[in-house]
Amino acid sequence: MPYFMTTSFKSIPAIDEDKHWDEKWGSVVRNFMEPIDRGVKIDPDLFPSSGFLEQKTSVIPNLFSIQFWYCTDVIKHAIERLEPGRHYFHPYVLRDAPEGKEFAQIYIINIVDPIDAVDVERSENLDIRKNLSGKKVTTVNSIYLSSDKREIALHEDRIQGRHLWIGPGAYGPGNAFVSDELHDVIVTHDVSPSPLQFYRTKHTLH
């Protein structure tokens, strides 16, 4: 059964080097932040290309998220092997501050082709509330998962052949679902104090 994957957002803070966010924040949110949260393919020109490390570190996690997912070659190759051609990877250079020496070549993952696989009726941990427009918004609350051992239920027939996915606005940045196979790759190569947490889901056939 797949896993719900979440993170603390604080593993490898980076300061934007190319001033990508400075002068056009409104358009960045509209053209980049909101689409990447919805699983939309984004124009490569809209991605930042590099940044400085805010804190010294000797190890970069193979998979981490600040507001969107980053990965190393290990995870990129695993995803491309498991789901060839589905997701997109945009090169991002981390530099060591203040010298500016290149520290690591990583990738921002543009997770696309979202699926609404959560079985709301059979899940035990969902936070459902109305937004300002009156529309119901469903979120997965990892606090409930860890404290109450509650479970997320998934429609099994909707996730056939999937290894990495998000839902259409249901889970928020820094959350995703991974298959058993991708989970095992991530855990096997996790050689850093990564803040990733995994919660096993359950299947329903309805």
N, C-alpha and C. Protein backbone atom coordinates (compact mmCIF):
# COMPACT_ATOMS: atom_id res chain seq x y z
N MET A 1 0.84 -1.20 0.00
CA MET A 1 0.00 0.00 0.00
C MET A 1 0.87 1.25 0.00
N PRO A 2 0.45 2.29 -0.69
CA PRO A 2 1.25 3.51 -0.77
C PRO A 2 1.40 4.21 0.58
N TYR A 3 2.23 5.23 0.57
CA TYR A 3 2.47 6.04 1.77
C TYR A 3 2.10 7.49 1.51
N PHE A 4 1.57 8.13 2.52
CA PHE A 4 1.45 9.58 2.53
C PHE A 4 2.78 10.12 3.05
N MET A 5 3.38 11.05 2.31
CA MET A 5 4.70 11.56 2.65
C MET A 5 4.60 13.05 2.95
N THR A 6 5.18 13.44 4.07
CA THR A 6 5.15 14.85 4.44
C THR A 6 6.50 15.26 4.99
N THR A 7 6.70 16.56 5.14
CA THR A 7 8.00 17.08 5.57
C THR A 7 7.80 18.33 6.41
N SER A 8 8.85 18.71 7.12
CA SER A 8 8.77 19.88 7.99
C SER A 8 9.08 21.18 7.27
N PHE A 9 9.48 21.13 5.98
CA PHE A 9 9.84 22.29 5.17
C PHE A 9 11.20 22.89 5.55
N LYS A 10 11.92 22.35 6.53
CA LYS A 10 13.07 23.05 7.07
C LYS A 10 14.39 22.30 6.92
N SER A 11 14.48 21.41 5.95
CA SER A 11 15.69 20.60 5.87
C SER A 11 16.88 21.37 5.31
N ILE A 12 16.72 22.01 4.16
CA ILE A 12 17.83 22.73 3.54
C ILE A 12 17.34 24.11 3.10
N PRO A 13 17.26 25.07 3.99
CA PRO A 13 16.80 26.41 3.58
C PRO A 13 17.75 27.00 2.55
N ALA A 14 17.22 27.65 1.55
CA ALA A 14 18.04 28.27 0.51
C ALA A 14 17.57 29.71 0.30
N ILE A 15 18.52 30.60 0.14
CA ILE A 15 18.22 31.98 -0.22
C ILE A 15 18.31 32.08 -1.73
N ASP A 16 17.32 32.66 -2.36
CA ASP A 16 17.31 32.76 -3.81
C ASP A 16 18.49 33.59 -4.30
N GLU A 17 19.26 33.03 -5.20
CA GLU A 17 20.45 33.71 -5.71
C GLU A 17 20.14 34.62 -6.89
N ASP A 18 19.23 34.19 -7.76
CA ASP A 18 18.99 34.97 -8.97
C ASP A 18 17.83 35.95 -8.83
N LYS A 19 17.44 36.25 -7.59
CA LYS A 19 16.40 37.25 -7.30
C LYS A 19 15.09 36.92 -8.00
N HIS A 20 14.82 35.63 -8.11
CA HIS A 20 13.65 35.16 -8.85
C HIS A 20 12.35 35.68 -8.24
N TRP A 21 12.30 35.79 -6.92
CA TRP A 21 11.05 36.13 -6.25
C TRP A 21 10.89 37.62 -5.94
N ASP A 22 11.90 38.42 -6.18
CA ASP A 22 11.93 39.76 -5.60
C ASP A 22 10.91 40.74 -6.14
N GLU A 23 10.77 40.84 -7.46
CA GLU A 23 10.05 41.97 -8.02
C GLU A 23 8.66 41.64 -8.57
N LYS A 24 8.29 40.41 -8.62
CA LYS A 24 7.02 40.05 -9.26
C LYS A 24 6.29 38.97 -8.47
N TRP A 25 6.20 39.17 -7.15
CA TRP A 25 5.65 38.12 -6.29
C TRP A 25 4.23 37.72 -6.68
N GLY A 26 3.40 38.70 -7.04
CA GLY A 26 2.02 38.37 -7.42
C GLY A 26 1.97 37.44 -8.61
N SER A 27 2.77 37.71 -9.62
CA SER A 27 2.77 36.85 -10.80
C SER A 27 3.43 35.52 -10.51
N VAL A 28 4.43 35.49 -9.60
CA VAL A 28 5.07 34.24 -9.22
C VAL A 28 4.06 33.30 -8.57
N VAL A 29 3.26 33.85 -7.66
CA VAL A 29 2.22 33.04 -7.01
C VAL A 29 1.24 32.52 -8.05
N ARG A 30 0.78 33.39 -8.92
CA ARG A 30 -0.23 33.02 -9.91
C ARG A 30 0.31 32.05 -10.95
N ASN A 31 1.54 32.27 -11.41
CA ASN A 31 2.08 31.49 -12.52
C ASN A 31 2.95 30.31 -12.11
N PHE A 32 3.38 30.30 -10.83
CA PHE A 32 4.29 29.24 -10.40
C PHE A 32 3.79 28.51 -9.16
N MET A 33 3.62 29.22 -8.04
CA MET A 33 3.31 28.56 -6.78
C MET A 33 1.97 27.83 -6.83
N GLU A 34 0.94 28.51 -7.29
CA GLU A 34 -0.37 27.86 -7.33
C GLU A 34 -0.42 26.71 -8.33
N PRO A 35 0.11 26.86 -9.56
CA PRO A 35 0.09 25.73 -10.48
C PRO A 35 0.90 24.52 -10.00
N ILE A 36 2.06 24.76 -9.36
CA ILE A 36 2.86 23.61 -8.93
C ILE A 36 2.16 22.86 -7.81
N ASP A 37 1.38 23.56 -6.99
CA ASP A 37 0.60 22.89 -5.95
C ASP A 37 -0.55 22.08 -6.54
N ARG A 38 -1.01 22.46 -7.73
CA ARG A 38 -2.13 21.77 -8.37
C ARG A 38 -1.66 20.66 -9.31
N GLY A 39 -0.34 20.54 -9.52
CA GLY A 39 0.17 19.50 -10.40
C GLY A 39 0.09 19.86 -11.86
N VAL A 40 0.26 21.15 -12.17
CA VAL A 40 0.22 21.62 -13.56
C VAL A 40 1.64 21.73 -14.10
N LYS A 41 1.84 21.35 -15.36
CA LYS A 41 3.16 21.52 -15.98
C LYS A 41 3.45 23.00 -16.14
N ILE A 42 4.64 23.42 -15.71
CA ILE A 42 4.99 24.83 -15.67
C ILE A 42 6.08 25.13 -16.70
N ASP A 43 6.00 26.31 -17.28
CA ASP A 43 7.01 26.78 -18.21
C ASP A 43 8.37 26.76 -17.52
N PRO A 44 9.39 26.12 -18.10
CA PRO A 44 10.72 26.06 -17.47
C PRO A 44 11.31 27.43 -17.15
N ASP A 45 10.93 28.44 -17.91
CA ASP A 45 11.47 29.78 -17.66
C ASP A 45 10.99 30.38 -16.35
N LEU A 46 9.93 29.82 -15.78
CA LEU A 46 9.39 30.36 -14.53
C LEU A 46 10.09 29.79 -13.29
N PHE A 47 10.97 28.79 -13.47
CA PHE A 47 11.64 28.17 -12.33
C PHE A 47 12.88 28.96 -11.92
N PRO A 48 13.12 29.10 -10.61
CA PRO A 48 14.41 29.64 -10.17
C PRO A 48 15.51 28.66 -10.54
N SER A 49 16.73 29.15 -10.70
CA SER A 49 17.81 28.30 -11.17
C SER A 49 18.89 28.02 -10.14
N SER A 50 18.99 28.86 -9.10
CA SER A 50 20.04 28.63 -8.12
C SER A 50 19.77 29.40 -6.83
N GLY A 51 20.47 29.02 -5.78
CA GLY A 51 20.31 29.70 -4.50
C GLY A 51 21.47 29.40 -3.57
N PHE A 52 21.63 30.24 -2.56
CA PHE A 52 22.65 30.04 -1.55
C PHE A 52 22.09 29.24 -0.38
N LEU A 53 22.91 28.40 0.21
CA LEU A 53 22.54 27.73 1.45
C LEU A 53 22.48 28.77 2.57
N GLU A 54 21.44 28.70 3.35
CA GLU A 54 21.31 29.62 4.48
C GLU A 54 22.10 29.11 5.68
N GLN A 55 22.25 27.78 5.76
CA GLN A 55 22.97 27.16 6.87
C GLN A 55 24.00 26.19 6.32
N LYS A 56 25.12 26.10 6.99
CA LYS A 56 26.15 25.15 6.59
C LYS A 56 25.66 23.72 6.80
N THR A 57 25.99 22.85 5.86
CA THR A 57 25.64 21.45 6.00
C THR A 57 26.62 20.63 5.18
N SER A 58 26.84 19.41 5.57
CA SER A 58 27.75 18.54 4.82
C SER A 58 27.00 17.57 3.92
N VAL A 59 25.69 17.46 4.10
CA VAL A 59 24.92 16.48 3.35
C VAL A 59 23.63 17.12 2.86
N ILE A 60 23.31 16.88 1.61
CA ILE A 60 22.03 17.30 1.05
C ILE A 60 21.09 16.09 1.02
N PRO A 61 19.90 16.18 1.57
CA PRO A 61 18.97 15.05 1.49
C PRO A 61 18.66 14.69 0.04
N ASN A 62 18.36 13.44 -0.20
CA ASN A 62 18.03 13.02 -1.56
C ASN A 62 16.66 13.51 -1.99
N LEU A 63 15.80 13.79 -1.01
CA LEU A 63 14.47 14.32 -1.31
C LEU A 63 14.07 15.23 -0.18
N PHE A 64 13.67 16.45 -0.50
CA PHE A 64 13.22 17.38 0.55
C PHE A 64 12.32 18.44 -0.08
N SER A 65 11.61 19.14 0.77
CA SER A 65 10.69 20.17 0.30
C SER A 65 10.80 21.40 1.18
N ILE A 66 10.78 22.56 0.53
CA ILE A 66 10.65 23.81 1.26
C ILE A 66 9.26 24.38 0.96
N GLN A 67 8.97 24.70 -0.26
CA GLN A 67 7.60 24.99 -0.68
C GLN A 67 7.18 24.07 -1.82
N PHE A 68 8.15 23.39 -2.39
CA PHE A 68 7.91 22.40 -3.44
C PHE A 68 9.03 21.38 -3.33
N TRP A 69 8.94 20.30 -4.07
CA TRP A 69 9.87 19.19 -3.87
C TRP A 69 11.16 19.36 -4.65
N TYR A 70 12.28 19.09 -3.98
CA TYR A 70 13.60 19.04 -4.58
C TYR A 70 14.12 17.60 -4.47
N CYS A 71 15.01 17.20 -5.38
CA CYS A 71 15.60 15.87 -5.28
C CYS A 71 17.00 15.86 -5.88
N THR A 72 17.75 14.83 -5.56
CA THR A 72 19.06 14.59 -6.17
C THR A 72 18.89 13.64 -7.34
N ASP A 73 20.01 13.33 -8.00
CA ASP A 73 19.98 12.39 -9.13
C ASP A 73 19.42 11.03 -8.74
N VAL A 74 19.68 10.59 -7.52
CA VAL A 74 19.23 9.26 -7.09
C VAL A 74 17.71 9.15 -7.21
N ILE A 75 17.00 10.14 -6.68
CA ILE A 75 15.53 10.09 -6.71
C ILE A 75 15.01 10.41 -8.11
N LYS A 76 15.65 11.34 -8.79
CA LYS A 76 15.25 11.66 -10.16
C LYS A 76 15.28 10.41 -11.03
N HIS A 77 16.37 9.65 -10.97
CA HIS A 77 16.49 8.46 -11.80
C HIS A 77 15.47 7.39 -11.41
N ALA A 78 15.18 7.28 -10.11
CA ALA A 78 14.19 6.30 -9.65
C ALA A 78 12.80 6.65 -10.16
N ILE A 79 12.44 7.92 -10.08
CA ILE A 79 11.12 8.36 -10.55
C ILE A 79 11.01 8.16 -12.06
N GLU A 80 12.06 8.51 -12.78
CA GLU A 80 12.03 8.35 -14.24
C GLU A 80 11.96 6.88 -14.65
N ARG A 81 12.54 6.02 -13.85
CA ARG A 81 12.47 4.58 -14.13
C ARG A 81 11.06 4.05 -13.85
N LEU A 82 10.47 4.50 -12.76
CA LEU A 82 9.16 3.99 -12.35
C LEU A 82 8.01 4.62 -13.14
N GLU A 83 8.15 5.91 -13.46
CA GLU A 83 7.10 6.63 -14.18
C GLU A 83 7.73 7.43 -15.32
N PRO A 84 8.24 6.76 -16.33
CA PRO A 84 8.96 7.46 -17.40
C PRO A 84 8.09 8.50 -18.11
N GLY A 85 8.62 9.73 -18.20
CA GLY A 85 7.96 10.78 -18.95
C GLY A 85 6.81 11.49 -18.28
N ARG A 86 6.48 11.12 -17.05
CA ARG A 86 5.30 11.72 -16.42
C ARG A 86 5.63 13.05 -15.75
N HIS A 87 6.70 13.11 -14.98
CA HIS A 87 7.03 14.31 -14.22
C HIS A 87 8.21 15.04 -14.86
N TYR A 88 8.44 16.28 -14.42
CA TYR A 88 9.49 17.12 -15.01
C TYR A 88 10.46 17.57 -13.92
N PHE A 89 11.72 17.67 -14.30
CA PHE A 89 12.79 17.99 -13.35
C PHE A 89 13.57 19.20 -13.87
N HIS A 90 13.68 20.21 -13.02
CA HIS A 90 14.33 21.45 -13.42
C HIS A 90 15.60 21.66 -12.61
N PRO A 91 16.75 21.76 -13.26
CA PRO A 91 18.03 21.88 -12.54
C PRO A 91 18.06 23.10 -11.62
N TYR A 92 18.62 22.89 -10.45
CA TYR A 92 18.75 23.96 -9.45
C TYR A 92 20.10 23.78 -8.77
N VAL A 93 20.90 24.84 -8.77
CA VAL A 93 22.24 24.80 -8.19
C VAL A 93 22.21 25.41 -6.80
N LEU A 94 22.70 24.67 -5.81
CA LEU A 94 22.88 25.21 -4.47
C LEU A 94 24.32 25.68 -4.34
N ARG A 95 24.50 26.90 -3.81
CA ARG A 95 25.84 27.46 -3.62
C ARG A 95 26.09 27.70 -2.14
N ASP A 96 27.34 27.57 -1.76
CA ASP A 96 27.73 27.74 -0.37
C ASP A 96 27.95 29.23 -0.08
N ALA A 97 27.18 29.78 0.85
CA ALA A 97 27.35 31.20 1.21
C ALA A 97 28.49 31.32 2.22
N PRO A 98 29.26 32.43 2.21
CA PRO A 98 29.10 33.57 1.30
C PRO A 98 29.97 33.48 0.06
N GLU A 99 30.79 32.44 -0.08
CA GLU A 99 31.74 32.38 -1.19
C GLU A 99 31.06 32.18 -2.54
N GLY A 100 29.94 31.50 -2.55
CA GLY A 100 29.24 31.27 -3.81
C GLY A 100 29.71 30.05 -4.57
N LYS A 101 30.50 29.19 -3.93
CA LYS A 101 30.97 27.98 -4.59
C LYS A 101 29.83 26.98 -4.73
N GLU A 102 29.77 26.35 -5.91
CA GLU A 102 28.70 25.38 -6.13
C GLU A 102 28.81 24.23 -5.14
N PHE A 103 27.71 23.95 -4.45
CA PHE A 103 27.70 22.93 -3.41
C PHE A 103 27.04 21.65 -3.89
N ALA A 104 25.95 21.79 -4.65
CA ALA A 104 25.22 20.62 -5.13
C ALA A 104 24.37 20.98 -6.33
N GLN A 105 24.25 20.02 -7.24
CA GLN A 105 23.33 20.13 -8.36
C GLN A 105 22.11 19.27 -8.04
N ILE A 106 20.97 19.89 -7.87
CA ILE A 106 19.75 19.16 -7.55
C ILE A 106 18.67 19.53 -8.56
N TYR A 107 17.43 19.10 -8.30
CA TYR A 107 16.33 19.36 -9.23
C TYR A 107 15.08 19.74 -8.46
N ILE A 108 14.32 20.67 -9.02
CA ILE A 108 12.97 20.93 -8.54
C ILE A 108 12.04 20.02 -9.32
N ILE A 109 11.20 19.28 -8.62
CA ILE A 109 10.29 18.33 -9.27
C ILE A 109 8.97 19.02 -9.57
N ASN A 110 8.58 19.01 -10.82
CA ASN A 110 7.25 19.46 -11.22
C ASN A 110 6.37 18.21 -11.30
N ILE A 111 5.72 17.88 -10.18
CA ILE A 111 4.84 16.71 -10.13
C ILE A 111 3.56 17.04 -10.88
N VAL A 112 3.26 16.28 -11.92
CA VAL A 112 2.09 16.60 -12.74
C VAL A 112 1.12 15.42 -12.76
N ASP A 113 0.00 15.64 -13.48
CA ASP A 113 -1.01 14.60 -13.65
C ASP A 113 -1.58 14.16 -12.29
N PRO A 114 -2.16 15.11 -11.52
CA PRO A 114 -2.67 14.77 -10.19
C PRO A 114 -3.88 13.84 -10.28
N ILE A 115 -4.13 13.12 -9.21
CA ILE A 115 -5.32 12.28 -9.12
C ILE A 115 -5.99 12.49 -7.76
N ASP A 116 -7.30 12.47 -7.78
CA ASP A 116 -8.07 12.64 -6.55
C ASP A 116 -8.38 11.24 -6.02
N ALA A 117 -7.41 10.65 -5.33
CA ALA A 117 -7.51 9.24 -4.94
C ALA A 117 -7.95 9.04 -3.49
N VAL A 118 -8.02 10.09 -2.69
CA VAL A 118 -8.37 9.93 -1.28
C VAL A 118 -9.85 9.60 -1.14
N ASP A 119 -10.14 8.53 -0.43
CA ASP A 119 -11.51 8.14 -0.12
C ASP A 119 -11.92 8.90 1.15
N VAL A 120 -12.60 10.00 0.95
CA VAL A 120 -12.93 10.90 2.07
C VAL A 120 -13.79 10.19 3.10
N GLU A 121 -14.77 9.41 2.66
CA GLU A 121 -15.70 8.78 3.59
C GLU A 121 -15.03 7.76 4.49
N ARG A 122 -13.98 7.11 4.02
CA ARG A 122 -13.34 6.05 4.80
C ARG A 122 -12.01 6.47 5.43
N SER A 123 -11.63 7.72 5.24
CA SER A 123 -10.43 8.22 5.89
C SER A 123 -10.78 8.78 7.26
N GLU A 124 -9.78 8.75 8.16
CA GLU A 124 -10.04 9.12 9.54
C GLU A 124 -9.33 10.39 9.98
N ASN A 125 -8.62 11.03 9.09
CA ASN A 125 -7.77 12.12 9.53
C ASN A 125 -7.95 13.41 8.75
N LEU A 126 -9.01 13.52 7.97
CA LEU A 126 -9.15 14.66 7.08
C LEU A 126 -9.75 15.86 7.79
N ASP A 127 -9.24 17.00 7.42
CA ASP A 127 -9.75 18.27 7.92
C ASP A 127 -10.52 18.90 6.76
N ILE A 128 -11.84 18.95 6.87
CA ILE A 128 -12.67 19.48 5.79
C ILE A 128 -13.34 20.76 6.27
N ARG A 129 -13.06 21.84 5.56
CA ARG A 129 -13.66 23.12 5.92
C ARG A 129 -13.93 23.93 4.66
N LYS A 130 -14.70 24.98 4.80
CA LYS A 130 -15.03 25.81 3.65
C LYS A 130 -14.05 26.98 3.57
N ASN A 131 -13.64 27.30 2.33
CA ASN A 131 -12.78 28.46 2.14
C ASN A 131 -13.64 29.73 2.04
N LEU A 132 -13.03 30.84 1.72
CA LEU A 132 -13.75 32.12 1.71
C LEU A 132 -14.85 32.16 0.66
N SER A 133 -14.69 31.37 -0.39
CA SER A 133 -15.72 31.34 -1.44
C SER A 133 -16.82 30.33 -1.16
N GLY A 134 -16.72 29.63 -0.03
CA GLY A 134 -17.74 28.66 0.34
C GLY A 134 -17.50 27.26 -0.18
N LYS A 135 -16.38 27.05 -0.88
CA LYS A 135 -16.06 25.73 -1.42
C LYS A 135 -15.40 24.87 -0.34
N LYS A 136 -15.78 23.59 -0.29
CA LYS A 136 -15.17 22.69 0.68
C LYS A 136 -13.73 22.37 0.28
N VAL A 137 -12.82 22.48 1.22
CA VAL A 137 -11.41 22.19 0.99
C VAL A 137 -11.00 21.06 1.92
N THR A 138 -10.38 20.03 1.37
CA THR A 138 -9.96 18.87 2.16
C THR A 138 -8.45 18.88 2.32
N THR A 139 -7.98 18.74 3.55
CA THR A 139 -6.54 18.65 3.78
C THR A 139 -6.24 17.43 4.64
N VAL A 140 -5.05 16.88 4.43
CA VAL A 140 -4.57 15.78 5.26
C VAL A 140 -3.75 16.39 6.39
N ASN A 141 -4.13 16.10 7.61
CA ASN A 141 -3.46 16.69 8.76
C ASN A 141 -2.52 15.67 9.38
N SER A 142 -1.22 15.85 9.17
CA SER A 142 -0.25 14.87 9.68
C SER A 142 -0.17 14.86 11.19
N ILE A 143 -0.61 15.93 11.85
CA ILE A 143 -0.65 15.94 13.32
C ILE A 143 -1.59 14.85 13.81
N TYR A 144 -2.75 14.74 13.16
CA TYR A 144 -3.68 13.67 13.52
C TYR A 144 -3.07 12.31 13.28
N LEU A 145 -2.36 12.16 12.17
CA LEU A 145 -1.78 10.87 11.84
C LEU A 145 -0.82 10.40 12.92
N SER A 146 0.03 11.29 13.39
CA SER A 146 1.05 10.89 14.35
C SER A 146 0.49 10.72 15.75
N SER A 147 -0.49 11.53 16.11
CA SER A 147 -0.96 11.49 17.49
C SER A 147 -2.06 10.46 17.71
N ASP A 148 -2.92 10.28 16.72
CA ASP A 148 -4.08 9.42 16.90
C ASP A 148 -4.02 8.13 16.09
N LYS A 149 -2.94 7.92 15.32
CA LYS A 149 -2.78 6.72 14.51
C LYS A 149 -3.93 6.54 13.53
N ARG A 150 -4.47 7.64 13.07
CA ARG A 150 -5.55 7.55 12.10
C ARG A 150 -4.99 7.25 10.72
N GLU A 151 -5.88 6.90 9.79
CA GLU A 151 -5.42 6.41 8.50
C GLU A 151 -6.05 7.18 7.35
N ILE A 152 -5.32 7.23 6.25
CA ILE A 152 -5.84 7.75 5.00
C ILE A 152 -6.26 6.56 4.14
N ALA A 153 -7.47 6.61 3.62
CA ALA A 153 -7.95 5.57 2.71
C ALA A 153 -7.85 6.06 1.27
N LEU A 154 -7.43 5.18 0.38
CA LEU A 154 -7.28 5.52 -1.03
C LEU A 154 -8.14 4.62 -1.90
N HIS A 155 -8.66 5.18 -2.97
CA HIS A 155 -9.36 4.38 -3.98
C HIS A 155 -8.31 3.61 -4.78
N GLU A 156 -8.26 2.32 -4.59
CA GLU A 156 -7.22 1.51 -5.21
C GLU A 156 -7.26 1.58 -6.73
N ASP A 157 -8.46 1.63 -7.30
CA ASP A 157 -8.58 1.61 -8.75
C ASP A 157 -8.07 2.90 -9.40
N ARG A 158 -7.86 3.95 -8.62
CA ARG A 158 -7.41 5.23 -9.19
C ARG A 158 -5.90 5.39 -9.17
N ILE A 159 -5.19 4.49 -8.52
CA ILE A 159 -3.75 4.69 -8.36
C ILE A 159 -2.93 3.61 -9.05
N GLN A 160 -3.54 2.87 -9.96
CA GLN A 160 -2.81 1.82 -10.65
C GLN A 160 -1.62 2.40 -11.41
N GLY A 161 -0.43 1.85 -11.17
CA GLY A 161 0.75 2.28 -11.89
C GLY A 161 1.35 3.59 -11.43
N ARG A 162 0.81 4.21 -10.37
CA ARG A 162 1.33 5.48 -9.89
C ARG A 162 2.40 5.24 -8.82
N HIS A 163 3.43 6.10 -8.84
CA HIS A 163 4.50 6.00 -7.85
C HIS A 163 4.74 7.31 -7.11
N LEU A 164 4.33 8.42 -7.68
CA LEU A 164 4.44 9.73 -7.04
C LEU A 164 3.28 10.57 -7.53
N TRP A 165 2.48 11.07 -6.59
CA TRP A 165 1.37 11.91 -7.03
C TRP A 165 0.91 12.84 -5.92
N ILE A 166 0.23 13.89 -6.36
CA ILE A 166 -0.46 14.79 -5.46
C ILE A 166 -1.91 14.84 -5.88
N GLY A 167 -2.74 15.45 -5.03
CA GLY A 167 -4.15 15.60 -5.37
C GLY A 167 -4.44 17.02 -5.80
N PRO A 168 -5.59 17.23 -6.40
CA PRO A 168 -5.94 18.57 -6.89
C PRO A 168 -6.30 19.51 -5.75
N GLY A 169 -5.29 20.07 -5.11
CA GLY A 169 -5.51 21.05 -4.06
C GLY A 169 -5.86 20.47 -2.71
N ALA A 170 -5.70 19.16 -2.53
CA ALA A 170 -6.18 18.54 -1.30
C ALA A 170 -5.12 18.42 -0.21
N TYR A 171 -3.86 18.47 -0.56
CA TYR A 171 -2.85 18.07 0.43
C TYR A 171 -1.86 19.17 0.79
N GLY A 172 -1.71 20.16 -0.04
CA GLY A 172 -0.84 21.28 0.29
C GLY A 172 0.61 21.04 -0.06
N PRO A 173 1.43 22.09 -0.11
CA PRO A 173 2.85 21.95 -0.44
C PRO A 173 3.59 21.15 0.62
N GLY A 174 4.55 20.35 0.17
CA GLY A 174 5.32 19.54 1.11
C GLY A 174 4.67 18.22 1.44
N ASN A 175 3.56 17.90 0.79
CA ASN A 175 2.90 16.61 0.98
C ASN A 175 2.73 15.94 -0.37
N ALA A 176 2.82 14.62 -0.38
CA ALA A 176 2.62 13.86 -1.61
C ALA A 176 2.36 12.40 -1.22
N PHE A 177 2.03 11.59 -2.21
CA PHE A 177 1.89 10.15 -2.02
C PHE A 177 2.97 9.44 -2.82
N VAL A 178 3.51 8.35 -2.26
CA VAL A 178 4.51 7.55 -2.96
C VAL A 178 4.15 6.07 -2.85
N SER A 179 4.52 5.33 -3.87
CA SER A 179 4.29 3.88 -3.86
C SER A 179 5.27 3.19 -2.93
N ASP A 180 5.02 1.91 -2.67
CA ASP A 180 5.95 1.12 -1.88
C ASP A 180 7.34 1.13 -2.50
N GLU A 181 7.39 0.98 -3.83
CA GLU A 181 8.69 0.90 -4.51
C GLU A 181 9.49 2.20 -4.35
N LEU A 182 8.83 3.35 -4.56
CA LEU A 182 9.54 4.62 -4.44
C LEU A 182 9.87 4.91 -2.98
N HIS A 183 8.99 4.55 -2.08
CA HIS A 183 9.27 4.69 -0.65
C HIS A 183 10.55 3.95 -0.28
N ASP A 184 10.69 2.72 -0.77
CA ASP A 184 11.87 1.92 -0.43
C ASP A 184 13.15 2.56 -0.98
N VAL A 185 13.08 3.13 -2.18
CA VAL A 185 14.25 3.80 -2.75
C VAL A 185 14.63 5.01 -1.89
N ILE A 186 13.64 5.80 -1.51
CA ILE A 186 13.91 7.00 -0.71
C ILE A 186 14.53 6.63 0.63
N VAL A 187 13.94 5.64 1.30
CA VAL A 187 14.44 5.26 2.62
C VAL A 187 15.83 4.65 2.52
N THR A 188 16.06 3.82 1.52
CA THR A 188 17.36 3.17 1.35
C THR A 188 18.48 4.18 1.17
N HIS A 189 18.20 5.28 0.47
CA HIS A 189 19.24 6.26 0.15
C HIS A 189 19.18 7.48 1.07
N ASP A 190 18.38 7.44 2.10
CA ASP A 190 18.26 8.58 3.01
C ASP A 190 19.42 8.56 3.99
N VAL A 191 20.51 9.25 3.63
CA VAL A 191 21.72 9.23 4.45
C VAL A 191 21.86 10.52 5.26
N SER A 192 20.81 11.29 5.34
CA SER A 192 20.87 12.57 6.04
C SER A 192 19.76 12.64 7.09
N PRO A 193 19.83 13.63 7.98
CA PRO A 193 18.75 13.81 8.96
C PRO A 193 17.53 14.45 8.30
N SER A 194 16.97 13.77 7.33
CA SER A 194 15.84 14.30 6.59
C SER A 194 14.60 14.37 7.47
N PRO A 195 13.78 15.41 7.30
CA PRO A 195 12.56 15.52 8.10
C PRO A 195 11.37 14.77 7.50
N LEU A 196 11.60 13.93 6.49
CA LEU A 196 10.50 13.22 5.86
C LEU A 196 9.82 12.28 6.84
N GLN A 197 8.50 12.22 6.74
CA GLN A 197 7.72 11.26 7.53
C GLN A 197 6.78 10.53 6.59
N PHE A 198 6.60 9.23 6.82
CA PHE A 198 5.77 8.40 5.96
C PHE A 198 4.67 7.75 6.80
N TYR A 199 3.46 7.75 6.25
CA TYR A 199 2.31 7.14 6.91
C TYR A 199 1.65 6.19 5.91
N ARG A 200 1.58 4.91 6.28
CA ARG A 200 1.01 3.92 5.37
C ARG A 200 -0.50 4.16 5.22
N THR A 201 -0.97 4.04 3.99
CA THR A 201 -2.39 4.24 3.71
C THR A 201 -3.09 2.89 3.67
N LYS A 202 -4.40 2.93 3.54
CA LYS A 202 -5.17 1.71 3.35
C LYS A 202 -5.99 1.86 2.08
N HIS A 203 -6.33 0.73 1.45
CA HIS A 203 -7.05 0.74 0.18
C HIS A 203 -8.53 0.49 0.40
N THR A 204 -9.33 1.05 -0.50
CA THR A 204 -10.73 0.68 -0.60
C THR A 204 -11.00 0.37 -2.05
N LEU A 205 -11.98 -0.44 -2.32
CA LEU A 205 -12.28 -0.87 -3.68
C LEU A 205 -13.53 -0.19 -4.21
N HIS A 206 -14.04 0.81 -3.51
CA HIS A 206 -15.29 1.45 -3.92
C HIS A 206 -15.02 2.73 -4.69
